[in-house]
C-alpha atoms as a PDB file:
ATOM      1  CA  MET A   1     136.502 -71.464 110.144  1.00  0.00           C
ATOM      2  CA  PHE A   2     133.875 -71.881 107.571  1.00  0.00           C
ATOM      3  CA  GLY A   3     131.973 -74.861 106.249  1.00  0.00           C
ATOM      4  CA  ILE A   4     130.935 -76.043 109.857  1.00  0.00           C
ATOM      5  CA  PRO A   5     128.176 -75.151 111.968  1.00  0.00           C
ATOM      6  CA  LEU A   6     128.790 -71.592 113.539  1.00  0.00           C
ATOM      7  CA  GLU A   7     128.394 -72.845 117.195  1.00  0.00           C
ATOM      8  CA  ASN A   8     131.212 -75.315 116.776  1.00  0.00           C
ATOM      9  CA  SER A   9     133.397 -73.131 114.693  1.00  0.00           C
ATOM     10  CA  PHE A  10     136.543 -70.856 115.843  1.00  0.00           C
ATOM     11  CA  SER A  11     134.222 -68.130 114.838  1.00  0.00           C
ATOM     12  CA  TYR A  12     132.006 -68.811 117.839  1.00  0.00           C
ATOM     13  CA  ILE A  13     134.785 -68.931 120.431  1.00  0.00           C
ATOM     14  CA  ILE A  14     136.546 -65.551 118.997  1.00  0.00           C
ATOM     15  CA  PHE A  15     133.154 -63.402 118.930  1.00  0.00           C
ATOM     16  CA  SER A  16     132.279 -64.669 122.354  1.00  0.00           C
ATOM     17  CA  SER A  17     133.871 -61.704 124.213  1.00  0.00           C
ATOM     18  CA  PRO A  18     133.947 -58.034 123.201  1.00  0.00           C
ATOM     19  CA  CYS A  19     137.738 -57.936 122.851  1.00  0.00           C
ATOM     20  CA  SER A  20     137.824 -60.252 120.224  1.00  0.00           C
ATOM     21  CA  THR A  21     134.750 -58.727 118.502  1.00  0.00           C
ATOM     22  CA  ARG A  22     136.730 -55.434 118.611  1.00  0.00           C
ATOM     23  CA  TYR A  23     139.583 -56.963 117.002  1.00  0.00           C
ATOM     24  CA  ILE A  24     137.739 -58.472 114.003  1.00  0.00           C
ATOM     25  CA  LEU A  25     135.750 -55.241 113.633  1.00  0.00           C
ATOM     26  CA  GLU A  26     139.373 -53.444 112.597  1.00  0.00           C
ATOM     27  CA  PRO A  27     139.057 -52.749 108.890  1.00  0.00           C
ATOM     28  CA  ILE A  28     142.326 -55.314 108.185  1.00  0.00           C
ATOM     29  CA  GLN A  29     140.334 -57.954 109.572  1.00  0.00           C
ATOM     30  CA  LEU A  30     137.017 -57.274 108.640  1.00  0.00           C
ATOM     31  CA  LYS A  31     137.984 -56.668 104.708  1.00  0.00           C
ATOM     32  CA  LYS A  32     138.627 -60.514 104.764  1.00  0.00           C
ATOM     33  CA  LEU A  33     135.097 -61.196 105.833  1.00  0.00           C
ATOM     34  CA  PHE A  34     133.938 -58.750 103.098  1.00  0.00           C
ATOM     35  CA  GLY A  35     136.210 -60.922 100.778  1.00  0.00           C
ATOM     36  CA  TYR A  36     134.769 -64.354 101.822  1.00  0.00           C
ATOM     37  CA  ILE A  37     130.853 -63.294 101.510  1.00  0.00           C
ATOM     38  CA  GLN A  38     131.653 -62.852  97.765  1.00  0.00           C
ATOM     39  CA  LEU A  39     133.046 -66.173  97.183  1.00  0.00           C
ATOM     40  CA  PRO A  40     131.418 -68.237  94.408  1.00  0.00           C
ATOM     41  CA  SER A  41     131.034 -71.226  96.671  1.00  0.00           C
ATOM     42  CA  PHE A  42     127.558 -70.827  98.413  1.00  0.00           C
ATOM     43  CA  ASP A  43     128.282 -72.832 101.495  1.00  0.00           C
ATOM     44  CA  ILE A  44     131.213 -70.835 102.155  1.00  0.00           C
ATOM     45  CA  SER A  45     129.456 -67.563 101.487  1.00  0.00           C
ATOM     46  CA  ALA A  46     126.379 -68.598 103.590  1.00  0.00           C
ATOM     47  CA  ASP A  47     128.635 -69.609 106.478  1.00  0.00           C
ATOM     48  CA  VAL A  48     130.516 -66.438 106.353  1.00  0.00           C
ATOM     49  CA  ALA A  49     127.184 -64.331 106.289  1.00  0.00           C
ATOM     50  CA  ASP A  50     126.124 -66.050 109.396  1.00  0.00           C
ATOM     51  CA  VAL A  51     129.348 -65.122 110.930  1.00  0.00           C
ATOM     52  CA  PHE A  52     129.166 -61.462 109.760  1.00  0.00           C
ATOM     53  CA  LYS A  53     125.628 -61.247 111.166  1.00  0.00           C
ATOM     54  CA  ASP A  54     126.625 -62.896 114.598  1.00  0.00           C
ATOM     55  CA  LEU A  55     129.467 -60.343 114.483  1.00  0.00           C
ATOM     56  CA  LEU A  56     127.317 -57.181 114.049  1.00  0.00           C
ATOM     57  CA  THR A  57     124.435 -58.012 116.484  1.00  0.00           C
ATOM     58  CA  ARG A  58     125.972 -59.832 119.403  1.00  0.00           C
ATOM     59  CA  HIS A  59     127.952 -57.244 121.493  1.00  0.00           C
ATOM     60  CA  LYS A  60     126.078 -54.406 120.645  1.00  0.00           C
ATOM     61  CA  SER A  61     128.086 -51.561 122.601  1.00  0.00           C
ATOM     62  CA  THR A  62     131.194 -52.965 120.996  1.00  0.00           C
ATOM     63  CA  VAL A  63     129.763 -52.900 117.502  1.00  0.00           C
ATOM     64  CA  SER A  64     128.445 -49.371 117.887  1.00  0.00           C
ATOM     65  CA  GLU A  65     131.809 -48.100 119.189  1.00  0.00           C
ATOM     66  CA  SER A  66     133.763 -49.763 116.145  1.00  0.00           C
ATOM     67  CA  LEU A  67     131.296 -49.065 113.583  1.00  0.00           C
ATOM     68  CA  SER A  68     131.468 -45.390 114.615  1.00  0.00           C
ATOM     69  CA  LYS A  69     135.130 -45.392 114.649  1.00  0.00           C
ATOM     70  CA  ASN A  70     135.321 -46.551 111.221  1.00  0.00           C
ATOM     71  CA  TYR A  71     131.965 -45.657 109.700  1.00  0.00           C
ATOM     72  CA  SER A  72     133.321 -44.210 106.345  1.00  0.00           C
ATOM     73  CA  TRP A  73     135.367 -47.265 105.523  1.00  0.00           C
ATOM     74  CA  PHE A  74     132.898 -49.615 106.740  1.00  0.00           C
ATOM     75  CA  PHE A  75     129.817 -48.354 104.909  1.00  0.00           C
ATOM     76  CA  THR A  76     131.650 -47.962 101.605  1.00  0.00           C
ATOM     77  CA  GLU A  77     132.653 -51.465 101.653  1.00  0.00           C
ATOM     78  CA  TYR A  78     129.183 -52.468 102.934  1.00  0.00           C
ATOM     79  CA  ASN A  79     127.481 -50.591 100.227  1.00  0.00           C
ATOM     80  CA  GLU A  80     129.790 -51.375  97.328  1.00  0.00           C
ATOM     81  CA  LYS A  81     130.480 -55.251  97.958  1.00  0.00           C
ATOM     82  CA  LEU A  82     126.986 -56.207  99.535  1.00  0.00           C
ATOM     83  CA  LEU A  83     124.245 -53.955  98.700  1.00  0.00           C
ATOM     84  CA  LYS A  84     125.503 -53.428  95.198  1.00  0.00           C
ATOM     85  CA  SER A  85     126.308 -57.261  94.646  1.00  0.00           C
ATOM     86  CA  SER A  86     124.981 -59.040  91.783  1.00  0.00           C
ATOM     87  CA  ASN A  87     124.199 -62.001  93.943  1.00  0.00           C
ATOM     88  CA  TYR A  88     120.688 -62.181  95.023  1.00  0.00           C
ATOM     89  CA  ILE A  89     121.366 -63.989  98.248  1.00  0.00           C
ATOM     90  CA  THR A  90     124.229 -61.675  99.282  1.00  0.00           C
ATOM     91  CA  LYS A  91     122.304 -58.457  98.615  1.00  0.00           C
ATOM     92  CA  ARG A  92     119.129 -59.501 100.214  1.00  0.00           C
ATOM     93  CA  GLN A  93     120.919 -60.633 103.349  1.00  0.00           C
ATOM     94  CA  ALA A  94     122.948 -57.308 103.415  1.00  0.00           C
ATOM     95  CA  ILE A  95     119.887 -55.236 103.335  1.00  0.00           C
ATOM     96  CA  LYS A  96     118.234 -57.202 106.011  1.00  0.00           C
ATOM     97  CA  LEU A  97     121.307 -57.017 108.168  1.00  0.00           C
ATOM     98  CA  LEU A  98     121.686 -53.339 107.443  1.00  0.00           C
ATOM     99  CA  GLY A  99     118.022 -53.003 108.474  1.00  0.00           C
ATOM    100  CA  SER A 100     118.836 -54.900 111.810  1.00  0.00           C
ATOM    101  CA  ILE A 101     121.860 -52.781 112.282  1.00  0.00           C
ATOM    102  CA  LEU A 102     120.198 -49.318 111.936  1.00  0.00           C
ATOM    103  CA  LEU A 103     117.097 -49.983 113.614  1.00  0.00           C
ATOM    104  CA  ASP A 104     118.890 -50.989 116.908  1.00  0.00           C
ATOM    105  CA  ARG A 105     118.846 -48.457 119.580  1.00  0.00           C
ATOM    106  CA  SER A 106     122.380 -48.740 120.526  1.00  0.00           C
ATOM    107  CA  ASN A 107     123.383 -47.643 117.024  1.00  0.00           C
ATOM    108  CA  SER A 108     121.188 -44.651 116.855  1.00  0.00           C
ATOM    109  CA  ALA A 109     124.225 -42.209 116.473  1.00  0.00           C
ATOM    110  CA  PHE A 110     125.554 -43.634 113.215  1.00  0.00           C
ATOM    111  CA  MET A 111     121.911 -44.604 112.065  1.00  0.00           C
ATOM    112  CA  ARG A 112     121.168 -40.883 111.743  1.00  0.00           C
ATOM    113  CA  ARG A 113     124.660 -40.165 110.100  1.00  0.00           C
ATOM    114  CA  TYR A 114     123.650 -42.992 107.541  1.00  0.00           C
ATOM    115  CA  VAL A 115     120.322 -41.538 106.806  1.00  0.00           C
ATOM    116  CA  SER A 116     121.763 -38.182 106.309  1.00  0.00           C
ATOM    117  CA  SER A 117     123.842 -39.147 103.278  1.00  0.00           C
ATOM    118  CA  LYS A 118     122.520 -38.677  99.764  1.00  0.00           C
ATOM    119  CA  ASP A 119     125.002 -41.518  98.412  1.00  0.00           C
ATOM    120  CA  ASN A 120     123.205 -43.934 100.751  1.00  0.00           C
ATOM    121  CA  LEU A 121     119.778 -42.556  99.900  1.00  0.00           C
ATOM    122  CA  ILE A 122     120.409 -43.347  95.848  1.00  0.00           C
ATOM    123  CA  ILE A 123     121.574 -46.679  96.815  1.00  0.00           C
ATOM    124  CA  LEU A 124     118.416 -47.556  98.684  1.00  0.00           C
ATOM    125  CA  MET A 125     116.326 -45.772  96.010  1.00  0.00           C
ATOM    126  CA  ASN A 126     117.887 -48.187  93.105  1.00  0.00           C
ATOM    127  CA  LEU A 127     117.012 -51.212  95.358  1.00  0.00           C
ATOM    128  CA  LEU A 128     113.424 -49.869  95.565  1.00  0.00           C
ATOM    129  CA  ARG A 129     113.341 -50.606  91.878  1.00  0.00           C
ATOM    130  CA  ASP A 130     115.320 -53.888  92.193  1.00  0.00           C
ATOM    131  CA  THR A 131     113.601 -56.771  90.190  1.00  0.00           C
ATOM    132  CA  SER A 132     113.158 -58.999  93.188  1.00  0.00           C
ATOM    133  CA  ARG A 133     109.995 -57.593  95.183  1.00  0.00           C
ATOM    134  CA  SER A 134     111.458 -59.359  98.137  1.00  0.00           C
ATOM    135  CA  ILE A 135     114.214 -56.924  98.034  1.00  0.00           C
ATOM    136  CA  GLN A 136     112.298 -54.061  97.410  1.00  0.00           C
ATOM    137  CA  ILE A 137     110.160 -54.660 100.579  1.00  0.00           C
ATOM    138  CA  ASP A 138     113.672 -55.305 102.580  1.00  0.00           C
ATOM    139  CA  ALA A 139     114.983 -52.246 101.335  1.00  0.00           C
ATOM    140  CA  PHE A 140     111.694 -49.959 101.912  1.00  0.00           C
ATOM    141  CA  HIS A 141     112.320 -50.896 105.674  1.00  0.00           C
ATOM    142  CA  VAL A 142     115.414 -49.145 105.247  1.00  0.00           C
ATOM    143  CA  PHE A 143     114.504 -46.226 102.846  1.00  0.00           C
ATOM    144  CA  LYS A 144     111.465 -45.206 105.174  1.00  0.00           C
ATOM    145  CA  LEU A 145     114.424 -44.187 107.740  1.00  0.00           C
ATOM    146  CA  PHE A 146     115.360 -41.402 105.273  1.00  0.00           C
ATOM    147  CA  VAL A 147     112.088 -40.120 105.081  1.00  0.00           C
ATOM    148  CA  ALA A 148     111.248 -40.389 108.812  1.00  0.00           C
ATOM    149  CA  ASN A 149     114.195 -38.321 109.728  1.00  0.00           C
ATOM    150  CA  GLU A 150     113.168 -34.942 111.011  1.00  0.00           C
ATOM    151  CA  GLU A 151     116.549 -33.409 110.335  1.00  0.00           C
ATOM    152  CA  LYS A 152     116.914 -34.051 106.504  1.00  0.00           C
ATOM    153  CA  PRO A 153     119.990 -32.269 105.115  1.00  0.00           C
ATOM    154  CA  ILE A 154     118.629 -30.133 102.177  1.00  0.00           C
ATOM    155  CA  GLU A 155     120.546 -32.450  99.942  1.00  0.00           C
ATOM    156  CA  ILE A 156     118.280 -35.322 100.913  1.00  0.00           C
ATOM    157  CA  VAL A 157     114.969 -33.355 100.548  1.00  0.00           C
ATOM    158  CA  SER A 158     115.936 -32.102  97.189  1.00  0.00           C
ATOM    159  CA  ILE A 159     116.590 -35.661  95.892  1.00  0.00           C
ATOM    160  CA  LEU A 160     113.336 -36.872  97.411  1.00  0.00           C
ATOM    161  CA  ILE A 161     111.497 -33.919  95.957  1.00  0.00           C
ATOM    162  CA  THR A 162     113.062 -34.377  92.489  1.00  0.00           C
ATOM    163  CA  ASN A 163     112.103 -38.253  92.639  1.00  0.00           C
ATOM    164  CA  ARG A 164     108.942 -37.897  94.160  1.00  0.00           C
ATOM    165  CA  ASN A 165     106.517 -38.734  91.407  1.00  0.00           C
ATOM    166  CA  LYS A 166     108.637 -41.952  90.559  1.00  0.00           C
ATOM    167  CA  LEU A 167     108.625 -42.909  94.263  1.00  0.00           C
ATOM    168  CA  LEU A 168     105.038 -42.354  94.849  1.00  0.00           C
ATOM    169  CA  ARG A 169     104.299 -44.818  91.822  1.00  0.00           C
ATOM    170  CA  LEU A 170     106.444 -47.304  93.017  1.00  0.00           C
ATOM    171  CA  LEU A 171     105.501 -47.378  96.848  1.00  0.00           C
ATOM    172  CA  GLY A 172     101.833 -47.301  95.212  1.00  0.00           C
ATOM    173  CA  ALA A 173     102.579 -50.880  93.826  1.00  0.00           C
ATOM    174  CA  PHE A 174     103.997 -52.318  96.648  1.00  0.00           C
ATOM    175  CA  VAL A 175     102.136 -55.369  98.399  1.00  0.00           C
ATOM    176  CA  TYR A 176     103.302 -56.760 101.565  1.00  0.00           C
ATOM    177  CA  THR A 177     103.705 -60.551 101.295  1.00  0.00           C
ATOM    178  CA  GLY A 178     104.726 -61.562 104.543  1.00  0.00           C
ATOM    179  CA  MET A 179     103.073 -63.808 107.340  1.00  0.00           C
ATOM    180  CA  LYS A 180      99.844 -62.584 108.881  1.00  0.00           C
ATOM    181  CA  GLY A 181      99.204 -62.735 112.423  1.00  0.00           C
ATOM    182  CA  GLY A 182      99.255 -60.277 115.436  1.00  0.00           C
ATOM    183  CA  SER A 183      98.211 -57.315 113.219  1.00  0.00           C
ATOM    184  CA  GLN A 184      94.981 -57.189 115.009  1.00  0.00           C
ATOM    185  CA  SER A 185      96.779 -55.622 118.065  1.00  0.00           C
ATOM    186  CA  ILE A 186      98.540 -52.776 116.165  1.00  0.00           C
ATOM    187  CA  LYS A 187      96.544 -49.718 116.111  1.00  0.00           C
ATOM    188  CA  LEU A 188      96.786 -46.646 113.616  1.00  0.00           C
ATOM    189  CA  VAL A 189      99.024 -43.996 115.102  1.00  0.00           C
ATOM    190  CA  SER A 190      99.474 -40.070 114.235  1.00  0.00           C
ATOM    191  CA  LYS A 191     101.632 -39.213 111.640  1.00  0.00           C
ATOM    192  CA  ARG A 192     104.029 -37.741 114.035  1.00  0.00           C
ATOM    193  CA  LYS A 193     104.640 -40.824 116.171  1.00  0.00           C
ATOM    194  CA  LEU A 194     104.803 -43.082 113.083  1.00  0.00           C
ATOM    195  CA  LEU A 195     107.519 -41.225 111.571  1.00  0.00           C
ATOM    196  CA  SER A 196     109.559 -40.831 114.963  1.00  0.00           C
ATOM    197  CA  LEU A 197     112.611 -43.272 114.462  1.00  0.00           C
ATOM    198  CA  LEU A 198     112.412 -44.594 118.017  1.00  0.00           C
ATOM    199  CA  TYR A 199     108.627 -45.668 117.182  1.00  0.00           C
ATOM    200  CA  LEU A 200     109.995 -47.490 114.151  1.00  0.00           C
ATOM    201  CA  ILE A 201     112.820 -49.299 116.388  1.00  0.00           C
ATOM    202  CA  ASP A 202     110.103 -50.386 118.822  1.00  0.00           C
ATOM    203  CA  LEU A 203     108.154 -51.820 116.306  1.00  0.00           C
ATOM    204  CA  PHE A 204     111.065 -53.662 114.879  1.00  0.00           C
ATOM    205  CA  VAL A 205     112.260 -55.084 118.289  1.00  0.00           C
ATOM    206  CA  MET A 206     108.616 -55.893 119.188  1.00  0.00           C
ATOM    207  CA  GLY A 207     108.563 -58.210 115.878  1.00  0.00           C
ATOM    208  CA  VAL A 208     105.248 -56.538 114.883  1.00  0.00           C
ATOM    209  CA  ILE A 209     106.288 -55.257 111.335  1.00  0.00           C
ATOM    210  CA  ASP A 210     103.530 -57.338 109.593  1.00  0.00           C
ATOM    211  CA  ASP A 211     101.452 -56.717 106.767  1.00  0.00           C
ATOM    212  CA  GLN A 212      99.107 -53.913 108.478  1.00  0.00           C
ATOM    213  CA  VAL A 213     101.920 -52.088 109.880  1.00  0.00           C
ATOM    214  CA  PHE A 214     103.916 -52.111 106.671  1.00  0.00           C
ATOM    215  CA  GLU A 215     100.519 -50.739 104.995  1.00  0.00           C
ATOM    216  CA  THR A 216     100.444 -48.063 107.741  1.00  0.00           C
ATOM    217  CA  ASP A 217     104.236 -47.232 107.094  1.00  0.00           C
ATOM    218  CA  LYS A 218     103.883 -46.934 103.489  1.00  0.00           C
ATOM    219  CA  ASP A 219     100.878 -44.502 103.727  1.00  0.00           C
ATOM    220  CA  GLN A 220     102.626 -42.446 105.854  1.00  0.00           C
ATOM    221  CA  VAL A 221     105.903 -42.312 103.902  1.00  0.00           C
ATOM    222  CA  VAL A 222     103.753 -41.519 100.866  1.00  0.00           C
ATOM    223  CA  ASN A 223     102.160 -38.705 102.958  1.00  0.00           C
ATOM    224  CA  GLU A 224     105.440 -37.255 103.970  1.00  0.00           C
ATOM    225  CA  LEU A 225     106.848 -37.370 100.351  1.00  0.00           C
ATOM    226  CA  THR A 226     103.736 -35.604  99.038  1.00  0.00           C
ATOM    227  CA  LEU A 227     104.248 -32.721 101.880  1.00  0.00           C
ATOM    228  CA  LEU A 228     107.970 -32.504 101.210  1.00  0.00           C
ATOM    229  CA  GLU A 229     109.178 -28.918 100.469  1.00  0.00           C
ATOM    230  CA  ILE A 230     112.449 -26.978 100.428  1.00  0.00           C
END
């Protein structure tokens, strides 16, 4: 199943239908993939990571249904085994995939559930402090969803306020290092619109999360953190 190009592998065949995807997304099957991703062999873990990404992004309605059904189990495994991994590649791929999942419109229901969890927030705040700047930037694109949530639970607000000064210092040092291009067509928008979760999703889908948009996002997150109160 692994070690050969995905398009020629058995995984490509079984993920080609919603029924097979639904089957693999059951905890008893998915647990095997979580284990394979953590294997020390780079070739195997990288191949499994590609399979995992394909599984979670191909049949969107099926994925949304399955993840909503097994939400608690899935994200406990995802957080503990991938986002907290000591392996740089595993951790970075997991953060980028998490962003793709949460920012997909079909997953809006459990995205809101994810960003309403204090445990998830704490994990993302720790990732913002990672020694890798790339991981910090990738984590920011998920962290901003917690700040953008207009229905923040009181415990989320409390954590953000308690750590506000540290977060503001950290964000102040952030500099986007991605490819330039396309930013000329992006205009600054109002705080309310920028902090709309649907607007963030639109930017992601359009592929315009570049340097100017990143800086605008960061400024608005800083403003929102500054204005937070219980």
